[in-house]
Structures are given as structure tokens and as C-alpha cells.
Amino acid sequence: MRGIVVLVLAVFAVVLSVSPAQAAPDGTLRLTSTTVKIGDPITFSFSTPRPDAQNWVGLYQDPGNGPVNEEFVGPSTKWVYTPESSGTGSLPTEGLPAGDWIVYYLYNDGYTWLAQPVKLQLVASGPVSWVSSAFPLRNGQVGSDYSASVARLVRGNTAGLSFRKVSGPSWLTVSPGGTAGGTPTASGTITAGIEASNSTGSKATATVTIRVQASGAALVPELKVMSYNLWHGGTPVNGYRDKQLKFLLDRDVDVVGIQENEGTSAQALADALGWSYHQNSDVAILSRYPISATGSGTASVWAKVRLGTRSAVLWSAHLGYTPYGPYDACFGGMSVQQLMDRESRSGRTGQINSIISAMNTDLANSGSTPVFLVGDFNAPSHLDWTSANSHCGYGQVSWPTSTAPVNAGLTDSYRAAHPNPATAPGITWSPIYKTFTGGYGYDSHTGEPEPQDRIDFVYFKGALDVLSSEAVVEGDPALYPNHQNNAWTSDHAAVLTTFRIR
């Protein structure tokens, strides 16, 4: 996301005035109940000897992006000002996912604690249901121990939740705690039914599939790699977490490079899916298969993923968002040289060069260990802005964020699958912004058509074949500002590429 939708979140980005120097919390924060049904408000009382017009109470997922060390990590999910020295208040819970949450009472639009934070649990009511009724689990292999968890993919009233296998091969067992396991005895795709039931007798069954590879064969002969900007973690859309989970399961994704992680979204997704993750506050990697090594770089993180006896390295990047080249071109009418100067000023040119430099060893080893660079680059591609495919009257523009990866030997997987940008534009910005909403020095163009472009990418190098690559969304997203109930939880399209590993 390029920073167009800031809304009230911007108020949390910095401390706007001097607060007491990390004074010990001397106020109180009490919740009426530490267990709240989704849809009911979280009600609380508070008091402080340091009243301020911009004292506030914020709700965060736990563990999450709350100010654990009294410093900004990410924005709250819900918040309310509490200016009085004492009083009561409430926070809404509609559309939030069930699970562990934490409430902070904070000073003057900042992150200094006024009281000790209080943990609570949001619980769902109603019958048991699955996030998705049919989905694949990670691959298995004949003769090798297998294990995958489905324990946190059930919603509704989960009190006394228990699981059992209702159909499937004899080698597969399902524990009451929701772990599917065993030792596969034959190759092929198996199907099993897993029933979840709660203490009230509510039941629901999901169909799972497992692709079992022959002994000695590649565990993951085909790999699905995704670049996914979550858009503030997905929080602008109601019920975002379950929608994200269903999307990832239904698309049968293996590894995901995440942007706008909002603190710990990758961790929350991994916990629910039973997957592995590596993250910082903004970028992350989510993997169906184990992660064996991790690191961080300029505007990026990386992880080495074990795929049976093979491995692959994934880098996830999120480059600077302003100034934005298509606005400078389509609204500003700047020369190509001016566009390049502005790219450098944005920091993106330096960022991509630093990332490519940090990838040197991975690129050199890509013959044996494939490497991927995915992300929201906040800039178009020179493969799209060509003399044969005009954008706002421009011919060839050599955008540095795309020329640098290509010059380093990486291949743009979407363009490998769709060489003609005129017939397959692959737009990722934006499925919900079709009209420019202002800012970036171009307020006079507010209300004009939003320049649509491809700014999210899956690059690769190694012994790989591109089987397919698409810009994907869920459903037919309603446009901003009517996006709250979309099935799609982002303002970007994701990019999903399927590779055959040679």
C-alpha cells in the first residue's frame, strides 16, 4: 500500500508531544470482563492522575503490534480517546477474529503506559464451522513421518473443541487436539474427512487432501509462491483474518512474501495454519514448510525454506511509496529524466540496489537452491512501460526497481508467463482504488482516474519453470470507501506464481 489510506492511523505514527519520561504507570485500567463475545463491546473503566485530551485506549492482538516497550510497533485495531481523569468507555468487536487480545491505556497520542495493559479473549458464539470446508495440507512422502495441524481453523463456539477422522486412509490418524499424522504407505493424493465438535454437540466436517510423493521423489515438485500486501494487516476489512486464511488455503499457497505485516500478522496466520514464519513489523515470510534460516535486509526479510531434501530462499521486500512514478508521469507530465531523479529521491533505487547486493550469495547459489524476490515495489516495470505499450503517452521507461533485478539475473515470473503487457497488464494497484483520492502534491487531480499499474512482483532465479502466474483477488471487490465487507482484504492484488522445480 502506498500510503493513500492513512485515515486515523496516522495519529499513532509518532508521539506528537512530550510525554512523561516513561513514568511508571500510576493509573488503572479494568475490563468489565476478560472474555467477550464477538459482536459485544469491550467495556472498561479507567483512571489517571495525568488526564489529557488525547489520552487513549487501544485494542491490539496478543501477541501483536502493541507498544510492549512503550514504543510504536503498529497501529491499534480499535481505539477511543479517554480525556477525563476517570470514567468508562467501550471498544467495538464486530468483525474481529476470535483469540487473544490486549488493551492498552496510553498517554497523549503516544505510547507511554498510563496503566498496566489488560489481556482478554474474544470468543465466537454460534455453531462450529471451518474457515474453509475443503483444503489441502502440506505434502507427505511414503515411509516418512507426517504431521499437520488443523486445530485453529475452526470458528464459532470452540468450548470443548475436539477433532476426529471420519474418513480417509488407515495410515492417517487425527488426534483430539487436531493434529493429522501418520506414515504414508502409498503415493498419490489422499482425501480425508475431519470432524470438529464442541461441548454443546455442534459439529462440522472439512475435507482435506494430502499429496503423497513416492519414497525418494521430490517432496515438493511444484511450488506456489505469492507476494501479498495485507493492507494494514487487513484491518480495514471486517473479518479480515478468517478471509485471509480461507484465501491462502483455497489458493493452495506454499510460501508467501508479506508486506504491511502490521507487527505480527504473519505470526497470527502461521499460528492458525500450523505453518512457519519470519517477520518484522512491516515485511514477513509465511511458509507451509519448515524455515531453516532467516535474516533481514534493507526494507526486506529473507528465509530459507526446507522442501524435503531441497531448499529455496525467499526474500520479501516493501519499497518506499513516495513520490510515486505513475502520478509524476500521468498527473505531472514529467520528463523521463525527472522520473528517474524522483525514483532516486524516493529511496527505492537505493533500496533495490542494496537488496540485490545482499542477495549476491543466494543468486550465486541459485543453480542448486532456487531464490525468489517478491514484494510491493511501489513502482512499475520497464517490461510494461514500453514503446509498444504506452502509459499516459510515455514509451520506454527503465524503472530502476525492475531493471536492477533483471540485470542481476532474476526473471519476472508474471512476464515470463504473459510476455505481452498490452494483452496481459497484470494490474495489482488497485482493485479498490479506481479514482485518485488526492495527495502526493496532486490534489488538483482528485477525482480523476487512478493510474492502474503492476507494482507487485514475484522474481526468481534457478532451475525452475513457470507453470502459471496471475494477479489474484477474492470475489469482486467493492471500491473504496465501500470496501469494509469485501471478501478481498487488501487494496493490492496479490501475485501468485506456480513453479515446477527441476
Protein backbone atom coordinates (compact mmCIF):
# COMPACT_ATOMS: atom_id res chain seq x y z
CA MET A 1 0.00 0.00 0.00
CA ARG A 2 1.47 3.35 -0.98
CA GLY A 3 0.16 5.37 1.96
CA ILE A 4 -3.02 6.73 0.28
CA VAL A 5 -5.25 5.49 3.08
CA VAL A 6 -3.81 6.95 6.22
CA LEU A 7 -7.08 7.88 7.98
CA VAL A 8 -6.82 7.97 11.75
CA LEU A 9 -3.92 5.52 11.78
CA ALA A 10 -1.52 8.38 11.17
CA VAL A 11 -2.27 9.73 14.61
CA PHE A 12 -0.40 6.76 16.06
CA ALA A 13 2.69 7.01 13.86
CA VAL A 14 4.58 9.45 16.08
CA VAL A 15 4.38 10.91 19.54
CA LEU A 16 3.22 14.44 18.87
CA SER A 17 4.16 16.00 22.17
CA VAL A 18 6.47 15.31 25.05
CA SER A 19 5.06 12.73 27.45
CA PRO A 20 6.24 11.92 30.95
CA ALA A 21 9.63 10.24 30.60
CA GLN A 22 8.47 6.65 30.75
CA ALA A 23 6.90 7.32 34.13
CA ALA A 24 5.75 4.23 35.98
CA PRO A 25 2.10 3.51 35.21
CA ASP A 26 0.15 5.08 38.07
CA GLY A 27 -3.38 4.80 36.70
CA THR A 28 -5.87 1.97 36.47
CA LEU A 29 -7.49 0.10 33.60
CA ARG A 30 -10.13 -2.51 34.35
CA LEU A 31 -12.26 -4.54 31.94
CA THR A 32 -15.80 -5.46 32.86
CA SER A 33 -15.00 -8.95 31.57
CA THR A 34 -11.84 -10.55 30.18
CA THR A 35 -13.93 -12.85 27.98
CA VAL A 36 -16.06 -11.07 25.39
CA LYS A 37 -18.25 -12.49 22.65
CA ILE A 38 -17.50 -11.11 19.20
CA GLY A 39 -20.15 -8.51 18.43
CA ASP A 40 -20.42 -7.39 22.05
CA PRO A 41 -18.45 -4.29 23.12
CA ILE A 42 -15.37 -4.42 25.32
CA THR A 43 -16.32 -2.20 28.26
CA PHE A 44 -13.77 -0.76 30.65
CA SER A 45 -13.15 1.77 33.41
CA PHE A 46 -10.04 3.91 33.75
CA SER A 47 -8.39 6.47 35.98
CA THR A 48 -5.17 8.51 35.89
CA PRO A 49 -3.59 11.41 37.78
CA ARG A 50 -2.36 12.63 34.36
CA PRO A 51 -5.54 13.45 32.40
CA ASP A 52 -5.04 14.73 28.88
CA ALA A 53 -7.37 15.50 25.99
CA GLN A 54 -5.55 12.91 23.87
CA ASN A 55 -5.13 10.06 26.31
CA TRP A 56 -6.47 6.96 24.63
CA VAL A 57 -7.27 3.28 24.96
CA GLY A 58 -6.27 0.91 22.14
CA LEU A 59 -7.01 -2.72 21.34
CA TYR A 60 -4.27 -4.97 19.91
CA GLN A 61 -3.97 -8.66 19.12
CA ASP A 62 -1.83 -10.60 21.59
CA PRO A 63 0.90 -11.32 20.77
CA GLY A 64 0.72 -8.42 18.40
CA ASN A 65 1.88 -4.99 17.44
CA GLY A 66 1.06 -3.25 20.70
CA PRO A 67 3.54 -0.92 22.44
CA VAL A 68 5.06 -3.63 24.62
CA ASN A 69 8.10 -1.45 25.31
CA GLU A 70 6.07 1.79 25.30
CA GLU A 71 7.10 2.40 21.70
CA PHE A 72 5.14 2.31 18.44
CA VAL A 73 5.16 -1.06 16.66
CA GLY A 74 1.94 -0.91 14.68
CA PRO A 75 -1.49 0.72 14.81
CA SER A 76 -4.23 -0.44 17.13
CA THR A 77 -7.18 -2.33 15.70
CA LYS A 78 -9.73 -0.25 17.63
CA TRP A 79 -9.22 2.82 19.80
CA VAL A 80 -11.01 5.59 21.67
CA TYR A 81 -9.95 8.83 23.39
CA THR A 82 -10.34 8.91 27.18
CA PRO A 83 -9.60 12.55 28.19
CA GLU A 84 -11.05 12.54 31.70
CA SER A 85 -9.17 11.71 34.89
CA SER A 86 -11.54 8.78 35.34
CA GLY A 87 -14.50 7.27 33.57
CA THR A 88 -15.74 4.40 31.45
CA GLY A 89 -15.59 3.54 27.78
CA SER A 90 -16.02 0.81 25.22
CA LEU A 91 -14.41 -0.65 22.10
CA PRO A 92 -16.38 -2.44 19.36
CA THR A 93 -15.57 -6.03 18.38
CA GLU A 94 -17.64 -6.56 15.22
CA GLY A 95 -15.65 -8.32 12.50
CA LEU A 96 -12.65 -9.10 14.72
CA PRO A 97 -11.18 -12.62 14.83
CA ALA A 98 -11.52 -14.78 17.91
CA GLY A 99 -8.45 -15.25 20.05
CA ASP A 100 -6.19 -13.43 22.49
CA TRP A 101 -6.20 -9.63 22.61
CA ILE A 102 -4.76 -6.92 24.88
CA VAL A 103 -5.95 -3.42 25.82
CA TYR A 104 -3.52 -0.54 26.50
CA TYR A 105 -4.25 2.78 28.26
CA LEU A 106 -1.81 5.32 26.76
CA TYR A 107 -0.74 8.95 27.22
CA ASN A 108 -1.33 11.87 24.83
CA ASP A 109 -1.49 10.18 21.43
CA GLY A 110 1.70 8.34 22.33
CA TYR A 111 2.71 5.01 23.80
CA THR A 112 3.62 5.72 27.41
CA TRP A 113 1.55 3.43 29.59
CA LEU A 114 -0.90 5.08 31.97
CA ALA A 115 -1.80 1.70 33.49
CA GLN A 116 -0.80 -1.90 33.19
CA PRO A 117 -2.30 -3.41 30.00
CA VAL A 118 -5.08 -5.97 30.39
CA LYS A 119 -5.43 -9.16 28.37
CA LEU A 120 -8.73 -10.56 27.21
CA GLN A 121 -10.13 -13.23 24.94
CA LEU A 122 -12.60 -12.69 22.15
CA VAL A 123 -14.81 -15.72 21.64
CA ALA A 124 -17.28 -16.54 18.92
CA SER A 125 -20.77 -17.84 19.50
CA GLY A 126 -22.89 -19.99 17.25
CA PRO A 127 -22.31 -23.40 15.68
CA VAL A 128 -18.90 -24.81 14.85
CA SER A 129 -17.66 -24.09 11.32
CA TRP A 130 -14.40 -24.35 9.39
CA VAL A 131 -12.57 -21.41 7.84
CA SER A 132 -12.72 -23.41 4.60
CA SER A 133 -14.73 -26.58 4.05
CA ALA A 134 -12.13 -28.21 1.78
CA PHE A 135 -8.40 -27.50 1.64
CA PRO A 136 -5.01 -29.14 1.04
CA LEU A 137 -2.43 -29.80 3.72
CA ARG A 138 1.35 -29.92 3.23
CA ASN A 139 2.75 -32.74 1.10
CA GLY A 140 3.75 -36.11 2.55
CA GLN A 141 6.13 -38.86 1.48
CA VAL A 142 5.90 -42.63 1.53
CA GLY A 143 7.72 -44.06 4.54
CA SER A 144 8.30 -40.71 6.25
CA ASP A 145 6.52 -39.44 9.36
CA TYR A 146 3.82 -36.89 8.56
CA SER A 147 2.18 -34.22 10.71
CA ALA A 148 -0.06 -31.20 10.05
CA SER A 149 -2.34 -29.24 12.37
CA VAL A 150 -5.91 -28.10 11.69
CA ALA A 151 -6.65 -27.19 15.31
CA ARG A 152 -7.03 -23.44 14.78
CA LEU A 153 -9.03 -23.46 11.57
CA VAL A 154 -12.40 -23.82 13.32
CA ARG A 155 -14.69 -20.94 14.27
CA GLY A 156 -17.87 -20.49 16.27
CA ASN A 157 -18.19 -21.67 19.86
CA THR A 158 -14.96 -23.60 20.33
CA ALA A 159 -15.51 -24.51 24.01
CA GLY A 160 -14.59 -28.16 24.46
CA LEU A 161 -13.45 -28.42 20.84
CA SER A 162 -12.38 -31.88 19.73
CA PHE A 163 -11.42 -33.49 16.41
CA ARG A 164 -11.68 -36.93 14.85
CA LYS A 165 -11.18 -38.59 11.48
CA VAL A 166 -14.42 -39.63 9.80
CA SER A 167 -12.94 -40.90 6.52
CA GLY A 168 -9.60 -41.44 4.89
CA PRO A 169 -6.76 -43.97 4.58
CA SER A 170 -5.90 -46.22 7.52
CA TRP A 171 -2.39 -44.75 7.93
CA LEU A 172 -3.78 -41.29 8.73
CA THR A 173 -4.85 -40.50 12.27
CA VAL A 174 -6.38 -37.35 13.73
CA SER A 175 -5.79 -36.55 17.39
CA PRO A 176 -8.50 -34.99 19.57
CA GLY A 177 -6.32 -31.87 19.57
CA GLY A 178 -6.48 -31.54 15.78
CA THR A 179 -3.17 -32.99 14.54
CA ALA A 180 -3.32 -35.11 11.40
CA GLY A 181 -0.42 -37.56 11.27
CA GLY A 182 0.96 -40.96 10.43
CA THR A 183 3.28 -42.63 7.95
CA PRO A 184 2.04 -42.69 4.34
CA THR A 185 2.13 -46.12 2.70
CA ALA A 186 1.43 -45.30 -0.96
CA SER A 187 1.92 -42.35 -3.28
CA GLY A 188 -0.95 -40.32 -4.72
CA THR A 189 -3.41 -37.74 -3.46
CA ILE A 190 -5.42 -38.88 -0.47
CA THR A 191 -8.66 -37.37 0.80
CA ALA A 192 -9.84 -37.43 4.40
CA GLY A 193 -12.77 -36.06 6.37
CA ILE A 194 -12.06 -34.39 9.72
CA GLU A 195 -14.90 -33.61 12.09
CA ALA A 196 -14.76 -30.84 14.68
CA SER A 197 -17.24 -30.83 17.55
CA ASN A 198 -17.74 -28.66 20.62
CA SER A 199 -19.13 -29.24 24.09
CA THR A 200 -22.68 -28.33 23.00
CA GLY A 201 -22.72 -31.05 20.35
CA SER A 202 -22.28 -28.75 17.35
CA LYS A 203 -20.31 -30.50 14.58
CA ALA A 204 -18.78 -29.63 11.23
CA THR A 205 -16.66 -31.65 8.81
CA ALA A 206 -13.90 -30.45 6.50
CA THR A 207 -12.38 -32.38 3.59
CA VAL A 208 -8.58 -32.27 3.46
CA THR A 209 -6.23 -33.54 0.80
CA ILE A 210 -2.59 -34.59 1.07
CA ARG A 211 -0.34 -35.12 -1.93
CA VAL A 212 1.87 -38.09 -1.03
CA GLN A 213 5.10 -38.38 -3.02
CA ALA A 214 6.92 -41.65 -3.65
CA SER A 215 9.90 -42.51 -1.48
CA GLY A 216 12.98 -40.82 -2.94
CA ALA A 217 10.94 -38.43 -5.10
CA ALA A 218 10.87 -34.68 -4.59
CA LEU A 219 8.59 -33.74 -1.70
CA VAL A 220 7.54 -30.51 -3.46
CA PRO A 221 7.86 -30.87 -7.24
CA GLU A 222 5.68 -27.80 -7.75
CA LEU A 223 5.91 -24.69 -5.58
CA LYS A 224 3.31 -21.92 -5.31
CA VAL A 225 4.89 -18.58 -4.40
CA MET A 226 2.85 -15.47 -3.54
CA SER A 227 3.51 -11.77 -2.97
CA TYR A 228 0.77 -10.42 -0.70
CA ASN A 229 0.38 -6.86 0.59
CA LEU A 230 -2.04 -7.27 3.51
CA TRP A 231 -3.09 -3.56 3.70
CA HIS A 232 -2.52 -2.63 7.34
CA GLY A 233 -2.62 -6.33 8.12
CA GLY A 234 -6.12 -6.49 6.58
CA THR A 235 -7.69 -4.42 9.36
CA PRO A 236 -9.72 -2.07 7.11
CA VAL A 237 -11.95 -5.05 6.17
CA ASN A 238 -14.36 -6.79 8.53
CA GLY A 239 -13.47 -10.38 9.41
CA TYR A 240 -10.12 -9.94 7.70
CA ARG A 241 -8.17 -12.74 9.40
CA ASP A 242 -10.55 -15.57 8.52
CA LYS A 243 -10.84 -14.23 4.98
CA GLN A 244 -7.05 -14.21 4.65
CA LEU A 245 -6.83 -17.77 5.94
CA LYS A 246 -9.51 -19.02 3.56
CA PHE A 247 -7.79 -17.28 0.65
CA LEU A 248 -4.42 -18.89 1.40
CA LEU A 249 -5.96 -22.33 1.89
CA ASP A 250 -8.19 -22.16 -1.17
CA ARG A 251 -5.29 -20.98 -3.36
CA ASP A 252 -3.10 -23.84 -2.08
CA VAL A 253 -0.16 -21.50 -1.45
CA ASP A 254 3.21 -22.83 -0.25
CA VAL A 255 5.28 -19.71 0.57
CA VAL A 256 4.17 -16.09 0.90
CA GLY A 257 6.11 -12.85 0.98
CA ILE A 258 4.04 -10.41 3.07
CA GLN A 259 4.08 -6.61 3.12
CA GLU A 260 2.25 -4.35 5.60
CA ASN A 261 2.57 -7.03 8.23
CA GLU A 262 1.40 -4.57 10.90
CA GLY A 263 3.58 -6.07 13.58
CA THR A 264 2.64 -9.74 13.79
CA SER A 265 0.11 -10.66 11.10
CA ALA A 266 2.40 -13.38 9.73
CA GLN A 267 2.67 -14.88 13.20
CA ALA A 268 -1.11 -14.87 13.62
CA LEU A 269 -1.60 -16.50 10.20
CA ALA A 270 1.12 -19.07 10.88
CA ASP A 271 -0.36 -19.96 14.27
CA ALA A 272 -3.76 -20.58 12.69
CA LEU A 273 -2.41 -22.54 9.73
CA GLY A 274 0.21 -24.52 11.62
CA TRP A 275 2.90 -23.05 9.33
CA SER A 276 6.29 -21.36 9.85
CA TYR A 277 7.06 -17.63 9.63
CA HIS A 278 9.72 -14.94 9.85
CA GLN A 279 8.75 -11.29 10.27
CA ASN A 280 9.49 -7.76 11.25
CA SER A 281 6.91 -5.04 11.78
CA ASP A 282 6.39 -4.43 8.04
CA VAL A 283 7.57 -7.40 5.96
CA ALA A 284 7.37 -11.13 6.57
CA ILE A 285 7.58 -14.61 5.13
CA LEU A 286 4.96 -17.30 5.71
CA SER A 287 5.72 -20.91 4.76
CA ARG A 288 3.77 -24.16 4.68
CA TYR A 289 7.14 -25.94 5.02
CA PRO A 290 9.80 -25.52 7.74
CA ILE A 291 12.08 -22.47 7.78
CA SER A 292 15.71 -23.35 8.48
CA ALA A 293 17.42 -19.91 8.39
CA THR A 294 16.33 -16.27 8.41
CA GLY A 295 17.68 -12.76 8.09
CA SER A 296 16.81 -9.14 7.43
CA GLY A 297 17.98 -6.55 4.92
CA THR A 298 17.11 -3.12 3.61
CA ALA A 299 13.28 -2.92 3.51
CA SER A 300 13.24 -6.72 3.39
CA VAL A 301 13.48 -10.05 5.19
CA TRP A 302 14.57 -13.44 3.89
CA ALA A 303 14.08 -17.07 4.87
CA LYS A 304 15.44 -20.40 3.73
CA VAL A 305 12.65 -22.95 3.37
CA ARG A 306 13.19 -26.72 3.56
CA LEU A 307 11.31 -28.62 0.86
CA GLY A 308 12.22 -32.16 1.86
CA THR A 309 15.80 -32.73 0.71
CA ARG A 310 15.76 -29.47 -1.23
CA SER A 311 15.64 -25.86 -0.13
CA ALA A 312 14.65 -22.48 -1.55
CA VAL A 313 15.35 -18.92 -0.40
CA LEU A 314 12.61 -16.28 -0.40
CA TRP A 315 13.13 -12.52 0.00
CA SER A 316 10.14 -10.29 0.77
CA ALA A 317 10.54 -6.54 0.13
CA HIS A 318 8.46 -3.40 0.58
CA LEU A 319 9.99 -0.35 -1.09
CA GLY A 320 9.24 3.32 -0.35
CA TYR A 321 5.92 4.69 -1.57
CA THR A 322 6.52 8.37 -2.31
CA PRO A 323 6.98 10.08 -4.68
CA TYR A 324 5.07 7.72 -6.93
CA GLY A 325 6.20 7.47 -10.54
CA PRO A 326 2.87 6.95 -12.31
CA TYR A 327 1.50 10.10 -10.63
CA ASP A 328 4.55 12.08 -11.70
CA ALA A 329 4.06 10.78 -15.23
CA CYS A 330 0.28 10.81 -15.63
CA PHE A 331 -0.50 13.88 -13.48
CA GLY A 332 2.80 15.74 -13.53
CA GLY A 333 3.84 15.13 -17.15
CA MET A 334 7.48 14.97 -16.07
CA SER A 335 10.33 14.05 -18.40
CA VAL A 336 11.82 10.57 -18.19
CA GLN A 337 14.94 12.06 -16.58
CA GLN A 338 12.78 13.77 -13.97
CA LEU A 339 11.04 10.46 -13.30
CA MET A 340 14.41 8.80 -12.72
CA ASP A 341 15.52 11.62 -10.42
CA ARG A 342 12.32 11.26 -8.44
CA GLU A 343 12.81 7.48 -8.23
CA SER A 344 16.20 8.08 -6.68
CA ARG A 345 14.73 10.66 -4.29
CA SER A 346 12.07 8.14 -3.19
CA GLY A 347 14.78 5.84 -1.87
CA ARG A 348 13.54 2.94 -3.98
CA THR A 349 16.59 2.90 -6.27
CA GLY A 350 18.94 2.67 -3.30
CA GLN A 351 16.73 0.10 -1.61
CA ILE A 352 16.56 -2.27 -4.57
CA ASN A 353 20.30 -1.98 -5.17
CA SER A 354 21.00 -2.78 -1.52
CA ILE A 355 18.65 -5.77 -1.62
CA ILE A 356 20.22 -7.14 -4.81
CA SER A 357 23.68 -6.70 -3.29
CA ALA A 358 22.60 -8.58 -0.16
CA MET A 359 21.24 -11.38 -2.37
CA ASN A 360 24.57 -11.94 -4.13
CA THR A 361 25.39 -15.22 -2.39
CA ASP A 362 21.86 -16.56 -2.90
CA LEU A 363 21.96 -15.57 -6.56
CA ALA A 364 25.32 -17.30 -7.00
CA ASN A 365 23.93 -20.49 -5.42
CA SER A 366 20.62 -20.41 -7.30
CA GLY A 367 21.62 -23.33 -9.52
CA SER A 368 21.24 -25.68 -6.55
CA THR A 369 18.96 -23.58 -4.31
CA PRO A 370 16.34 -21.51 -6.15
CA VAL A 371 15.91 -17.94 -4.97
CA PHE A 372 12.83 -15.69 -5.10
CA LEU A 373 12.43 -11.94 -4.63
CA VAL A 374 8.83 -10.90 -4.10
CA GLY A 375 7.20 -7.73 -2.89
CA ASP A 376 5.39 -4.45 -3.25
CA PHE A 377 7.93 -2.32 -5.12
CA ASN A 378 5.68 0.76 -5.35
CA ALA A 379 6.96 1.31 -8.88
CA PRO A 380 6.10 -0.08 -12.32
CA SER A 381 8.18 -2.33 -14.56
CA HIS A 382 10.27 -1.45 -17.61
CA LEU A 383 8.76 -4.61 -19.14
CA ASP A 384 5.34 -2.88 -19.05
CA TRP A 385 6.26 0.73 -19.94
CA THR A 386 7.49 0.07 -23.47
CA SER A 387 7.34 1.80 -26.83
CA ALA A 388 4.71 -0.73 -27.85
CA ASN A 389 2.61 -0.28 -24.69
CA SER A 390 2.14 3.39 -23.90
CA HIS A 391 1.29 4.65 -20.40
CA CYS A 392 -0.05 8.22 -20.37
CA GLY A 393 1.78 8.85 -23.63
CA TYR A 394 5.15 7.52 -22.44
CA GLY A 395 7.12 4.92 -24.34
CA GLN A 396 10.03 3.03 -22.80
CA VAL A 397 10.76 3.95 -19.18
CA SER A 398 13.54 1.99 -17.49
CA TRP A 399 12.20 1.94 -13.96
CA PRO A 400 15.22 1.08 -11.74
CA THR A 401 13.29 -1.20 -9.38
CA SER A 402 12.64 -3.60 -12.25
CA THR A 403 15.84 -3.20 -14.26
CA ALA A 404 18.03 -3.97 -11.22
CA PRO A 405 16.57 -7.44 -10.56
CA VAL A 406 16.64 -8.33 -14.25
CA ASN A 407 20.24 -7.15 -14.59
CA ALA A 408 21.11 -9.36 -11.62
CA GLY A 409 19.78 -12.41 -13.46
CA LEU A 410 16.32 -12.57 -11.88
CA THR A 411 13.26 -13.21 -14.04
CA ASP A 412 9.86 -11.53 -13.65
CA SER A 413 7.61 -14.60 -13.36
CA TYR A 414 4.44 -12.80 -14.43
CA ARG A 415 6.06 -11.53 -17.63
CA ALA A 416 7.56 -14.99 -18.23
CA ALA A 417 4.01 -16.34 -18.25
CA HIS A 418 2.49 -13.31 -20.04
CA PRO A 419 5.07 -11.68 -22.33
CA ASN A 420 2.69 -9.11 -23.83
CA PRO A 421 1.87 -6.27 -21.39
CA ALA A 422 -0.82 -4.90 -23.70
CA THR A 423 -2.93 -8.06 -23.56
CA ALA A 424 -1.98 -9.10 -20.00
CA PRO A 425 -1.31 -5.96 -17.93
CA GLY A 426 -1.36 -7.87 -14.60
CA ILE A 427 -2.62 -4.85 -12.64
CA THR A 428 -2.02 -5.06 -8.90
CA TRP A 429 -2.68 -1.41 -7.99
CA SER A 430 -5.50 -1.21 -7.32
CA PRO A 431 -8.59 -3.43 -7.18
CA ILE A 432 -10.43 -0.94 -4.93
CA TYR A 433 -8.98 2.45 -5.96
CA LYS A 434 -10.19 3.42 -9.40
CA THR A 435 -10.38 7.16 -8.66
CA PHE A 436 -7.50 9.28 -7.38
CA THR A 437 -8.17 10.41 -3.80
CA GLY A 438 -5.59 13.20 -3.63
CA GLY A 439 -2.22 13.79 -2.03
CA TYR A 440 1.34 13.45 -3.34
CA GLY A 441 1.21 17.11 -4.44
CA TYR A 442 -1.52 16.36 -6.99
CA ASP A 443 -4.69 17.37 -5.16
CA SER A 444 -5.90 19.19 -8.27
CA HIS A 445 -6.28 15.77 -9.91
CA THR A 446 -8.56 14.40 -7.19
CA GLY A 447 -11.46 12.53 -8.75
CA GLU A 448 -9.57 11.67 -11.93
CA PRO A 449 -8.99 8.01 -12.88
CA GLU A 450 -6.38 6.36 -10.67
CA PRO A 451 -3.38 5.22 -12.76
CA GLN A 452 -3.62 1.44 -12.73
CA ASP A 453 -0.34 -0.44 -12.79
CA ARG A 454 1.62 -3.57 -11.89
CA ILE A 455 3.73 -2.78 -8.84
CA ASP A 456 3.84 -6.18 -7.05
CA PHE A 457 6.20 -8.87 -8.29
CA VAL A 458 7.48 -12.44 -7.99
CA TYR A 459 11.04 -12.63 -9.36
CA PHE A 460 13.08 -15.84 -9.44
CA LYS A 461 16.39 -17.38 -10.39
CA GLY A 462 17.24 -21.08 -10.51
CA ALA A 463 16.25 -24.39 -12.08
CA LEU A 464 12.57 -23.50 -12.30
CA ASP A 465 9.82 -23.46 -14.91
CA VAL A 466 6.91 -21.04 -14.64
CA LEU A 467 3.70 -23.02 -14.98
CA SER A 468 1.34 -20.10 -14.32
CA SER A 469 1.32 -16.60 -12.84
CA GLU A 470 -1.65 -14.38 -12.07
CA ALA A 471 -2.68 -11.22 -10.24
CA VAL A 472 -5.37 -12.53 -7.91
CA VAL A 473 -8.12 -11.17 -5.68
CA GLU A 474 -11.08 -12.80 -3.96
CA GLY A 475 -14.56 -12.12 -5.31
CA ASP A 476 -15.48 -8.80 -6.90
CA PRO A 477 -14.15 -6.15 -4.50
CA ALA A 478 -16.31 -3.11 -3.86
CA LEU A 479 -14.45 0.15 -4.36
CA TYR A 480 -13.14 2.39 -1.58
CA PRO A 481 -14.78 3.69 0.61
CA ASN A 482 -17.30 0.84 0.45
CA HIS A 483 -14.70 -1.88 0.96
CA GLN A 484 -15.40 -2.90 4.57
CA ASN A 485 -17.28 -6.11 3.75
CA ASN A 486 -15.19 -7.23 0.78
CA ALA A 487 -14.16 -10.86 0.56
CA TRP A 488 -10.82 -9.41 -0.56
CA THR A 489 -8.98 -7.82 2.36
CA SER A 490 -6.33 -5.75 0.56
CA ASP A 491 -6.01 -2.66 -1.64
CA HIS A 492 -3.50 -4.54 -3.84
CA ALA A 493 -3.99 -7.66 -5.88
CA ALA A 494 -1.68 -10.49 -4.84
CA VAL A 495 0.66 -12.16 -7.31
CA LEU A 496 0.62 -15.97 -7.35
CA THR A 497 3.13 -17.94 -9.45
CA THR A 498 3.29 -21.73 -9.72
CA PHE A 499 6.76 -23.16 -10.44
CA ARG A 500 7.98 -26.58 -11.44
CA ILE A 501 11.27 -27.28 -9.64
CA ARG A 502 13.68 -29.01 -12.00
